[in-house]
N, C-alpha and C. Protein backbone atom coordinates (compact mmCIF):
# COMPACT_ATOMS: atom_id res chain seq x y z
N MET A 1 137.73 17.60 39.17
CA MET A 1 137.06 18.66 38.48
C MET A 1 138.03 19.81 38.28
N GLU A 2 137.96 20.41 37.11
CA GLU A 2 138.88 21.50 36.79
C GLU A 2 138.44 22.78 37.49
N ASP A 3 139.40 23.70 37.62
CA ASP A 3 139.05 25.02 38.15
C ASP A 3 138.36 25.81 37.05
N ILE A 4 137.19 26.30 37.33
CA ILE A 4 136.43 27.10 36.38
C ILE A 4 136.76 28.56 36.64
N SER A 5 137.10 29.30 35.58
CA SER A 5 137.41 30.71 35.78
C SER A 5 136.14 31.48 36.10
N ILE A 6 136.31 32.56 36.80
CA ILE A 6 135.17 33.38 37.21
C ILE A 6 134.45 33.95 35.99
N SER A 7 135.20 34.27 34.94
CA SER A 7 134.60 34.91 33.76
C SER A 7 133.91 33.91 32.83
N GLU A 8 134.12 32.62 33.06
CA GLU A 8 133.49 31.63 32.18
C GLU A 8 132.01 31.51 32.50
N ARG A 9 131.20 31.49 31.46
CA ARG A 9 129.75 31.38 31.64
C ARG A 9 129.31 30.00 31.22
N ALA A 10 128.41 29.44 31.97
CA ALA A 10 127.86 28.12 31.65
C ALA A 10 126.94 28.24 30.44
N LEU A 11 127.00 27.23 29.58
CA LEU A 11 126.15 27.19 28.40
C LEU A 11 124.86 26.46 28.72
N ASP A 12 123.78 26.91 28.11
CA ASP A 12 122.54 26.14 28.19
C ASP A 12 122.51 25.17 27.01
N VAL A 13 121.42 24.44 26.85
CA VAL A 13 121.33 23.43 25.79
C VAL A 13 121.46 24.06 24.41
N HIS A 14 120.81 25.20 24.21
CA HIS A 14 120.87 25.85 22.90
C HIS A 14 122.27 26.39 22.62
N GLY A 15 122.93 26.92 23.65
CA GLY A 15 124.30 27.40 23.49
C GLY A 15 125.27 26.27 23.17
N LEU A 16 125.10 25.13 23.85
CA LEU A 16 125.95 23.97 23.58
C LEU A 16 125.73 23.46 22.16
N ALA A 17 124.47 23.42 21.74
CA ALA A 17 124.15 22.94 20.39
C ALA A 17 124.78 23.82 19.32
N SER A 18 124.70 25.12 19.47
CA SER A 18 125.29 26.00 18.46
C SER A 18 126.82 25.97 18.53
N TRP A 19 127.38 25.83 19.73
CA TRP A 19 128.84 25.79 19.88
C TRP A 19 129.43 24.53 19.26
N LEU A 20 128.77 23.39 19.46
CA LEU A 20 129.27 22.12 18.92
C LEU A 20 128.76 21.83 17.51
N GLY A 21 127.76 22.58 17.06
CA GLY A 21 127.19 22.34 15.73
C GLY A 21 126.33 21.08 15.69
N ILE A 22 125.57 20.87 16.75
CA ILE A 22 124.69 19.69 16.83
C ILE A 22 123.26 20.17 17.05
N SER A 23 122.31 19.26 16.96
CA SER A 23 120.92 19.62 17.20
C SER A 23 120.66 19.79 18.70
N THR A 24 119.59 20.49 19.01
CA THR A 24 119.25 20.64 20.43
C THR A 24 118.81 19.31 21.03
N ASP A 25 118.22 18.44 20.21
CA ASP A 25 117.86 17.10 20.71
C ASP A 25 119.09 16.33 21.15
N LYS A 26 120.16 16.41 20.34
CA LYS A 26 121.41 15.73 20.69
C LYS A 26 122.03 16.36 21.94
N ALA A 27 121.92 17.68 22.07
CA ALA A 27 122.44 18.35 23.27
C ALA A 27 121.70 17.89 24.52
N TYR A 28 120.38 17.69 24.41
CA TYR A 28 119.61 17.16 25.55
C TYR A 28 120.06 15.73 25.87
N GLN A 29 120.31 14.93 24.83
CA GLN A 29 120.79 13.56 25.06
C GLN A 29 122.13 13.57 25.79
N LEU A 30 123.03 14.46 25.37
CA LEU A 30 124.32 14.57 26.04
C LEU A 30 124.14 15.01 27.50
N GLY A 31 123.21 15.92 27.73
CA GLY A 31 122.96 16.38 29.10
C GLY A 31 122.45 15.26 30.00
N ASN A 32 121.74 14.31 29.43
CA ASN A 32 121.23 13.17 30.20
C ASN A 32 122.24 12.04 30.33
N ASP A 33 123.32 12.09 29.55
CA ASP A 33 124.36 11.06 29.61
C ASP A 33 125.18 11.26 30.88
N PRO A 34 125.27 10.25 31.75
CA PRO A 34 126.01 10.43 33.01
C PRO A 34 127.52 10.62 32.81
N LEU A 35 128.05 10.26 31.66
CA LEU A 35 129.48 10.41 31.41
C LEU A 35 129.84 11.78 30.84
N PHE A 36 128.86 12.53 30.38
CA PHE A 36 129.10 13.84 29.79
C PHE A 36 129.12 14.89 30.90
N PRO A 37 130.08 15.85 30.84
CA PRO A 37 130.19 16.85 31.91
C PRO A 37 129.06 17.88 31.85
N SER A 38 128.11 17.74 32.72
CA SER A 38 127.00 18.69 32.78
C SER A 38 126.51 18.79 34.21
N PHE A 39 125.70 19.78 34.45
CA PHE A 39 125.05 19.91 35.75
C PHE A 39 123.68 20.52 35.52
N ARG A 40 122.88 20.50 36.55
CA ARG A 40 121.52 21.02 36.43
C ARG A 40 121.31 22.20 37.38
N VAL A 41 120.55 23.13 36.88
CA VAL A 41 120.06 24.23 37.70
C VAL A 41 118.55 24.10 37.64
N GLY A 42 117.97 23.58 38.70
CA GLY A 42 116.55 23.23 38.66
C GLY A 42 116.37 22.03 37.75
N ASN A 43 115.57 22.21 36.71
CA ASN A 43 115.40 21.11 35.75
C ASN A 43 116.09 21.41 34.43
N ARG A 44 116.98 22.38 34.41
CA ARG A 44 117.65 22.78 33.17
C ARG A 44 119.11 22.34 33.18
N HIS A 45 119.56 21.88 32.02
CA HIS A 45 120.95 21.44 31.86
C HIS A 45 121.86 22.65 31.65
N ARG A 46 123.05 22.57 32.22
CA ARG A 46 124.09 23.58 32.01
C ARG A 46 125.41 22.87 31.78
N PHE A 47 126.30 23.53 31.03
CA PHE A 47 127.57 22.93 30.64
C PHE A 47 128.67 23.99 30.74
N TRP A 48 129.80 23.61 31.38
CA TRP A 48 130.97 24.49 31.40
C TRP A 48 131.75 24.23 30.11
N PRO A 49 132.00 25.26 29.30
CA PRO A 49 132.72 25.05 28.03
C PRO A 49 134.10 24.41 28.20
N SER A 50 134.83 24.78 29.26
CA SER A 50 136.16 24.21 29.46
C SER A 50 136.08 22.71 29.74
N GLU A 51 135.07 22.27 30.49
CA GLU A 51 134.92 20.84 30.78
C GLU A 51 134.47 20.06 29.55
N VAL A 52 133.58 20.66 28.75
CA VAL A 52 133.13 20.01 27.52
C VAL A 52 134.31 19.87 26.55
N LYS A 53 135.12 20.92 26.45
CA LYS A 53 136.28 20.87 25.56
C LYS A 53 137.26 19.79 26.01
N ALA A 54 137.51 19.70 27.31
CA ALA A 54 138.41 18.66 27.84
C ALA A 54 137.83 17.27 27.58
N TRP A 55 136.51 17.12 27.72
CA TRP A 55 135.86 15.82 27.49
C TRP A 55 135.99 15.41 26.02
N THR A 56 135.85 16.36 25.10
CA THR A 56 135.94 16.02 23.68
C THR A 56 137.36 15.68 23.26
N GLN A 57 138.35 16.12 24.02
CA GLN A 57 139.74 15.86 23.66
C GLN A 57 140.32 14.63 24.34
N GLN A 58 139.52 13.94 25.15
CA GLN A 58 140.01 12.72 25.80
C GLN A 58 140.20 11.62 24.76
N PRO A 59 141.28 10.84 24.89
CA PRO A 59 141.44 9.70 23.97
C PRO A 59 140.38 8.65 24.26
N ARG A 60 139.87 8.05 23.20
CA ARG A 60 138.83 7.04 23.33
C ARG A 60 139.24 5.76 22.62
N ASP A 61 138.80 4.65 23.16
CA ASP A 61 139.03 3.36 22.53
C ASP A 61 137.89 3.11 21.54
N ALA A 62 138.22 3.10 20.26
CA ALA A 62 137.19 2.96 19.22
C ALA A 62 136.50 1.60 19.27
N TRP A 63 137.15 0.61 19.87
CA TRP A 63 136.58 -0.75 19.89
C TRP A 63 135.84 -1.07 21.18
N LYS A 64 135.82 -0.13 22.12
CA LYS A 64 135.14 -0.38 23.39
C LYS A 64 133.63 -0.40 23.18
N GLN A 65 132.98 -1.37 23.80
CA GLN A 65 131.53 -1.47 23.69
C GLN A 65 130.89 -0.33 24.48
N SER A 66 129.90 0.29 23.90
CA SER A 66 129.27 1.43 24.53
C SER A 66 128.50 1.02 25.79
N ALA A 67 128.37 1.96 26.70
CA ALA A 67 127.63 1.70 27.94
C ALA A 67 126.17 1.38 27.64
N ARG A 68 125.65 1.99 26.59
CA ARG A 68 124.25 1.76 26.22
C ARG A 68 124.03 0.31 25.78
N SER A 69 124.98 -0.23 25.02
CA SER A 69 124.79 -1.59 24.52
C SER A 69 125.17 -2.66 25.54
N LEU A 70 125.89 -2.29 26.59
CA LEU A 70 126.25 -3.28 27.60
C LEU A 70 125.03 -3.82 28.33
N GLY A 71 123.99 -3.02 28.47
CA GLY A 71 122.80 -3.45 29.18
C GLY A 71 121.85 -4.28 28.35
N ARG A 72 122.06 -4.31 27.05
CA ARG A 72 121.15 -5.05 26.18
C ARG A 72 121.47 -6.54 26.19
N LYS A 73 120.44 -7.32 26.03
CA LYS A 73 120.64 -8.76 25.90
C LYS A 73 120.57 -9.10 24.42
N ARG A 74 121.53 -9.83 23.96
CA ARG A 74 121.57 -10.22 22.56
C ARG A 74 120.60 -11.36 22.31
N LYS A 75 119.93 -11.30 21.19
CA LYS A 75 119.04 -12.38 20.81
C LYS A 75 119.89 -13.49 20.22
N ARG A 76 119.70 -14.66 20.74
CA ARG A 76 120.49 -15.79 20.26
C ARG A 76 119.70 -16.50 19.17
N ASP A 77 120.34 -16.70 18.05
CA ASP A 77 119.67 -17.31 16.90
C ASP A 77 119.70 -18.82 16.93
N GLY A 78 120.18 -19.37 17.98
CA GLY A 78 120.23 -20.83 18.07
C GLY A 78 121.57 -21.38 17.65
N ASP A 79 121.58 -22.64 17.40
CA ASP A 79 122.81 -23.33 17.04
C ASP A 79 123.04 -23.17 15.53
N ALA A 80 124.10 -22.51 15.15
CA ALA A 80 124.37 -22.22 13.74
C ALA A 80 124.50 -23.48 12.88
N PRO A 81 125.24 -24.52 13.30
CA PRO A 81 125.35 -25.71 12.44
C PRO A 81 124.00 -26.36 12.16
N SER A 82 123.11 -26.41 13.14
CA SER A 82 121.81 -27.02 12.89
C SER A 82 120.98 -26.16 11.94
N GLN A 83 121.15 -24.85 12.00
CA GLN A 83 120.44 -23.98 11.07
C GLN A 83 120.96 -24.19 9.65
N LEU A 84 122.26 -24.39 9.52
CA LEU A 84 122.81 -24.65 8.19
C LEU A 84 122.28 -25.96 7.62
N ARG A 85 122.15 -26.96 8.48
CA ARG A 85 121.61 -28.24 8.02
C ARG A 85 120.17 -28.07 7.53
N ARG A 86 119.40 -27.27 8.23
CA ARG A 86 118.01 -27.04 7.82
C ARG A 86 117.96 -26.30 6.49
N MET A 87 118.88 -25.38 6.27
CA MET A 87 118.89 -24.62 5.02
C MET A 87 119.26 -25.51 3.84
N ARG A 88 120.14 -26.46 4.06
CA ARG A 88 120.58 -27.34 2.96
C ARG A 88 119.51 -28.33 2.57
N SER A 89 118.65 -28.72 3.49
CA SER A 89 117.65 -29.75 3.15
C SER A 89 116.38 -29.17 2.59
């Protein structure tokens, strides 16, 4: 964790949304994402601007499968060659 300066103020959801130019709904989603740098005060999300800025500047692998989709089970359409045979007949 980075050293937070004494003068830095934590942003709330509305402050984060206006700072990043996103909707408040998206800011709430980011606050609930375990990989996004946030913390809670009671039941309210708070964000350190320096940590959010560092998070946005991290290099990312564009081809990496998202954590959200890793938990999903793919629907299997069956055996493709047999489906092609059915389509031809």
